[in-house]
Amino acid sequence: MIGYILLDWFFVLFHFAIILFNLFGWIWKRSRRWNLYLLLVTGFFWFGFGFFYGWGYCPLTDWHFQVLDKLGKSSSEYSYIAYIISRFFGLYIKPSIVDAVTLISYLSALSISVFLDLKDKRKDY
């Protein structure tokens, strides 16, 4: 049981760190390339695997929700962002709003990351 509790907190911290890096990793020039790669991988899972498993599919979310099932804490949320908001703030937000804000945030971060990556490449030449 303690192993699943540790896994639960690992996923909370690791997944939240990935979300923060996806949103803000473009700020620092040294992390921009890695930010772009991670955003592209995220998009690949959301849209590529999402075609088969449902929009926004994320293996980390899938694995974390399996851990929660083992702990008897099945998540009633369908998205990780909704789950985090519910778990730590006790709030329920309509799924359509969570999806819209998540997608807009992702596309904004991706656009900024691509723009800055191209800008950095032009400076290097």
Foldseek 3Di string as FASTA:
>chain_A
DVVLVVVLVVLVVVVVVLVCCLLPVCVDPVRLVVSLVSLVVQVCCQPVVCVVVNHRDDVSVVVSQVSCVVVVNHDPDPDPVQRVCCVPVVDHDPPVVVVVVVVVSSVVSNVSSVVVVVVVVVVVD
